[in-house]
Amino acid sequence: MTPERFDRIREVLTARQPDLTVLMERVNKTHNFSAILRNCDAVGILSAHAVVPDKGIDLHHATSAGTAQWVQVRTHDDTGSAVQALRDEGFTILAAHVSDRAVDYREVDYTRPTALMMGAELYGISDEGLEAADQHVVVPMRGFVRSLNVSVATALLLFEAHRQRSAAGMYDASRLDPATFDKLLFEWTYPREARIFRERAEPYPALAEDGSWAEGISST
């Protein structure tokens, strides 16, 4: 681990937003699922949520660009439990859906705790999800098509959130509590060693400013 690489990891972790997330409701195409995770990483999302399709989902490595290492995916059995988990954490839930109650996605305040609910490509968000959402948002369309590809739509919404949060200074300093920051910093910097420490039920060592730590570790 070079000091330059460590500095980059620490810089990215510092910008992570614990109160901005995406809930993918049965997004069933692997390239779209992976592309959404890549969008999440790009705007500093710490963890994403997914109601997994009945047949499961696999990440498309070429599309995700390895972001599964940096963006945790929390899975849920159904929409109801996913929504409840997000509400328990204080999130406002926005459903990307064309409806009479939908507002332009740029009119929403994304500086509050926000979860974007995105639906499957063919069917969109379920009736249960639409009913549970606090607000529907829409990307205005000028052509004949009524909607964008789900990963493209997610990118637009997330970068509007990024714009608002950048203007509010929400990327300027870490918004994670120190214990969580230090834990993730070690896991991101030394994933193999972190796994060994967890298997041994031992605490992670403290990292120096250059990313080094005092004691070595054996994989045996």
Protein backbone atom coordinates (compact mmCIF):
# COMPACT_ATOMS: atom_id res chain seq x y z
CA MET A 1 0.00 0.00 0.00
CA THR A 2 1.62 3.25 -1.14
CA PRO A 3 0.99 6.50 0.74
CA GLU A 4 -0.56 7.92 -2.44
CA ARG A 5 -3.04 5.06 -2.71
CA PHE A 6 -3.87 5.35 0.98
CA ASP A 7 -4.51 9.08 0.62
CA ARG A 8 -6.88 8.40 -2.27
CA ILE A 9 -8.80 5.78 -0.28
CA ARG A 10 -9.10 8.15 2.68
CA GLU A 11 -10.23 10.99 0.40
CA VAL A 12 -12.99 8.87 -1.15
CA LEU A 13 -14.16 7.58 2.23
CA THR A 14 -14.26 11.13 3.61
CA ALA A 15 -16.77 12.09 0.91
CA ARG A 16 -19.12 9.17 1.57
CA GLN A 17 -22.72 10.17 2.27
CA PRO A 18 -24.39 7.95 4.89
CA ASP A 19 -27.81 9.57 4.33
CA LEU A 20 -28.09 9.26 0.55
CA THR A 21 -28.97 5.90 -0.98
CA VAL A 22 -30.75 4.04 -3.75
CA LEU A 23 -33.36 1.31 -3.34
CA MET A 24 -33.45 -0.94 -6.40
CA GLU A 25 -36.79 -2.74 -6.47
CA ARG A 26 -36.25 -6.00 -8.36
CA VAL A 27 -33.93 -4.50 -10.97
CA ASN A 28 -33.34 -7.72 -12.87
CA LYS A 29 -30.80 -6.88 -15.59
CA THR A 30 -27.29 -7.35 -14.32
CA HIS A 31 -25.74 -4.59 -16.44
CA ASN A 32 -28.27 -2.06 -15.12
CA PHE A 33 -27.83 -3.21 -11.51
CA SER A 34 -24.06 -2.91 -11.88
CA ALA A 35 -24.29 0.47 -13.62
CA ILE A 36 -26.45 1.82 -10.79
CA LEU A 37 -23.80 0.76 -8.28
CA ARG A 38 -21.21 2.58 -10.37
CA ASN A 39 -23.42 5.69 -10.24
CA CYS A 40 -23.68 5.29 -6.47
CA ASP A 41 -19.91 5.20 -6.07
CA ALA A 42 -19.51 8.25 -8.30
CA VAL A 43 -21.61 10.46 -6.01
CA GLY A 44 -20.28 9.06 -2.74
CA ILE A 45 -23.04 6.71 -1.63
CA LEU A 46 -21.91 4.49 1.21
CA SER A 47 -24.48 1.70 0.85
CA ALA A 48 -27.28 0.85 -1.57
CA HIS A 49 -30.40 -1.24 -1.00
CA ALA A 50 -32.01 -3.87 -3.21
CA VAL A 51 -35.15 -5.94 -3.23
CA VAL A 52 -33.66 -8.89 -5.06
CA PRO A 53 -35.54 -10.40 -8.04
CA ASP A 54 -36.94 -13.90 -7.60
CA LYS A 55 -34.14 -15.35 -9.74
CA GLY A 56 -31.45 -13.40 -7.95
CA ILE A 57 -28.93 -10.99 -9.45
CA ASP A 58 -25.24 -11.11 -10.31
CA LEU A 59 -23.00 -8.07 -10.70
CA HIS A 60 -21.65 -7.38 -14.18
CA HIS A 61 -17.99 -6.71 -13.40
CA ALA A 62 -17.22 -4.79 -16.60
CA THR A 63 -20.11 -2.40 -15.95
CA SER A 64 -19.69 -2.00 -12.21
CA ALA A 65 -15.93 -1.35 -12.53
CA GLY A 66 -15.35 -3.16 -9.26
CA THR A 67 -17.58 -0.81 -7.24
CA ALA A 68 -19.07 -3.71 -5.25
CA GLN A 69 -15.89 -3.44 -3.16
CA TRP A 70 -16.70 0.16 -2.23
CA VAL A 71 -20.52 0.30 -2.12
CA GLN A 72 -22.19 -2.10 0.28
CA VAL A 73 -25.43 -3.65 -1.02
CA ARG A 74 -28.04 -4.34 1.64
CA THR A 75 -30.63 -6.81 0.38
CA HIS A 76 -34.26 -7.15 1.44
CA ASP A 77 -36.81 -9.90 0.89
CA ASP A 78 -39.62 -7.57 -0.12
CA THR A 79 -40.50 -3.93 -0.68
CA GLY A 80 -42.33 -3.53 2.61
CA SER A 81 -39.35 -4.57 4.72
CA ALA A 82 -36.99 -2.44 2.63
CA VAL A 83 -39.15 0.66 3.03
CA GLN A 84 -39.53 0.07 6.75
CA ALA A 85 -35.78 -0.32 7.22
CA LEU A 86 -35.17 2.97 5.42
CA ARG A 87 -37.89 4.76 7.37
CA ASP A 88 -36.38 3.50 10.63
CA GLU A 89 -33.14 5.21 9.60
CA GLY A 90 -34.94 8.48 8.88
CA PHE A 91 -34.92 8.43 5.08
CA THR A 92 -37.41 10.23 2.86
CA ILE A 93 -38.30 7.89 0.00
CA LEU A 94 -38.58 9.24 -3.54
CA ALA A 95 -40.01 7.00 -6.25
CA ALA A 96 -38.88 7.64 -9.82
CA HIS A 97 -42.22 7.29 -11.57
CA VAL A 98 -44.42 9.18 -14.02
CA SER A 99 -47.66 9.98 -12.20
CA ASP A 100 -50.07 12.81 -11.47
CA ARG A 101 -48.30 13.44 -8.16
CA ALA A 102 -44.80 13.46 -9.64
CA VAL A 103 -42.65 16.60 -9.50
CA ASP A 104 -39.61 17.58 -11.53
CA TYR A 105 -36.63 15.79 -9.97
CA ARG A 106 -34.76 19.12 -9.72
CA GLU A 107 -37.40 20.57 -7.39
CA VAL A 108 -36.60 18.14 -4.57
CA ASP A 109 -34.33 18.87 -1.60
CA TYR A 110 -31.69 16.14 -1.66
CA THR A 111 -29.75 17.53 1.29
CA ARG A 112 -32.16 15.75 3.63
CA PRO A 113 -31.78 11.97 4.17
CA THR A 114 -32.93 10.63 0.79
CA ALA A 115 -33.56 7.19 -0.67
CA LEU A 116 -34.27 6.97 -4.40
CA MET A 117 -36.52 4.05 -5.31
CA MET A 118 -35.89 2.74 -8.82
CA GLY A 119 -37.97 0.01 -10.43
CA ALA A 120 -37.34 -2.89 -12.78
CA GLU A 121 -36.88 -2.08 -16.45
CA LEU A 122 -40.05 -3.65 -17.78
CA TYR A 123 -42.53 -3.19 -14.93
CA GLY A 124 -41.28 -0.14 -13.06
CA ILE A 125 -41.96 0.33 -9.36
CA SER A 126 -44.63 -1.87 -7.81
CA ASP A 127 -47.95 -0.47 -6.58
CA GLU A 128 -46.76 -1.18 -3.04
CA GLY A 129 -43.62 0.85 -3.59
CA LEU A 130 -45.48 3.73 -5.20
CA GLU A 131 -47.95 3.87 -2.35
CA ALA A 132 -45.18 3.80 0.26
CA ALA A 133 -43.10 6.57 -1.32
CA ASP A 134 -43.20 10.05 0.18
CA GLN A 135 -42.93 11.68 -3.24
CA HIS A 136 -42.82 10.72 -6.93
CA VAL A 137 -40.19 12.39 -9.09
CA VAL A 138 -39.88 12.51 -12.85
CA VAL A 139 -37.29 13.50 -15.44
CA PRO A 140 -39.08 15.79 -17.95
CA MET A 141 -39.12 14.28 -21.44
CA ARG A 142 -39.42 16.24 -24.71
CA GLY A 143 -39.63 13.31 -27.12
CA PHE A 144 -41.94 10.34 -27.66
CA VAL A 145 -40.41 8.11 -25.02
CA ARG A 146 -41.87 8.37 -21.53
CA SER A 147 -38.88 7.21 -19.53
CA LEU A 148 -35.13 6.61 -19.59
CA ASN A 149 -33.13 3.48 -18.97
CA VAL A 150 -33.14 2.87 -15.21
CA SER A 151 -29.40 3.33 -14.78
CA VAL A 152 -29.43 6.56 -16.81
CA ALA A 153 -32.37 7.92 -14.80
CA THR A 154 -30.61 7.00 -11.58
CA ALA A 155 -27.50 8.87 -12.69
CA LEU A 156 -29.48 12.04 -13.40
CA LEU A 157 -31.19 11.99 -10.01
CA LEU A 158 -28.00 11.18 -8.14
CA PHE A 159 -26.00 13.93 -9.78
CA GLU A 160 -28.69 16.45 -8.92
CA ALA A 161 -28.32 15.24 -5.34
CA HIS A 162 -24.55 15.58 -5.71
CA ARG A 163 -24.93 19.16 -7.02
CA GLN A 164 -27.12 20.21 -4.10
CA ARG A 165 -24.98 18.50 -1.49
CA SER A 166 -21.77 19.94 -2.93
CA ALA A 167 -23.26 23.44 -2.75
CA ALA A 168 -24.21 22.78 0.87
CA GLY A 169 -20.66 21.67 1.75
CA MET A 170 -21.72 18.13 2.57
CA TYR A 171 -18.63 16.63 0.90
CA ASP A 172 -16.11 18.88 2.63
CA ALA A 173 -15.57 16.74 5.74
CA SER A 174 -16.41 13.20 6.80
CA ARG A 175 -20.01 12.71 7.87
CA LEU A 176 -19.29 9.26 9.33
CA ASP A 177 -18.76 8.78 13.03
CA PRO A 178 -15.04 8.27 13.83
CA ALA A 179 -15.38 4.60 14.77
CA THR A 180 -17.17 3.76 11.51
CA PHE A 181 -14.68 5.80 9.50
CA ASP A 182 -11.66 4.04 11.05
CA LYS A 183 -13.26 0.61 10.60
CA LEU A 184 -14.04 1.17 6.93
CA LEU A 185 -10.67 2.78 6.28
CA PHE A 186 -8.90 -0.37 7.45
CA GLU A 187 -11.28 -2.67 5.52
CA TRP A 188 -10.88 -0.66 2.31
CA THR A 189 -7.12 -0.42 2.67
CA TYR A 190 -6.43 -4.00 3.80
CA PRO A 191 -9.43 -6.17 2.83
CA ARG A 192 -7.58 -9.49 3.16
CA GLU A 193 -6.09 -8.63 6.53
CA ALA A 194 -9.44 -7.28 7.75
CA ARG A 195 -11.07 -10.63 6.96
CA ILE A 196 -8.40 -12.42 9.00
CA PHE A 197 -8.87 -10.11 11.97
CA ARG A 198 -12.65 -10.70 11.82
CA GLU A 199 -12.16 -14.47 11.71
CA ARG A 200 -9.97 -14.21 14.80
CA ALA A 201 -12.45 -11.86 16.52
CA GLU A 202 -9.61 -9.37 16.98
CA PRO A 203 -9.86 -5.58 16.68
CA TYR A 204 -8.29 -3.83 13.73
CA PRO A 205 -4.99 -2.05 14.44
CA ALA A 206 -4.79 1.72 14.18
CA LEU A 207 -3.38 3.09 10.92
CA ALA A 208 -0.62 5.66 10.72
CA GLU A 209 -0.87 8.76 8.54
CA ASP A 210 0.87 6.95 5.67
CA GLY A 211 -1.46 3.93 5.91
CA SER A 212 1.00 1.64 7.65
CA TRP A 213 0.35 -0.17 10.91
CA ALA A 214 2.72 -1.35 13.58
CA GLU A 215 2.32 -5.13 13.58
CA GLY A 216 2.39 -7.58 10.69
CA ILE A 217 -0.15 -10.32 10.18
CA SER A 218 0.11 -13.91 9.07
CA SER A 219 -2.59 -15.53 6.95
CA THR A 220 -2.04 -18.86 8.73
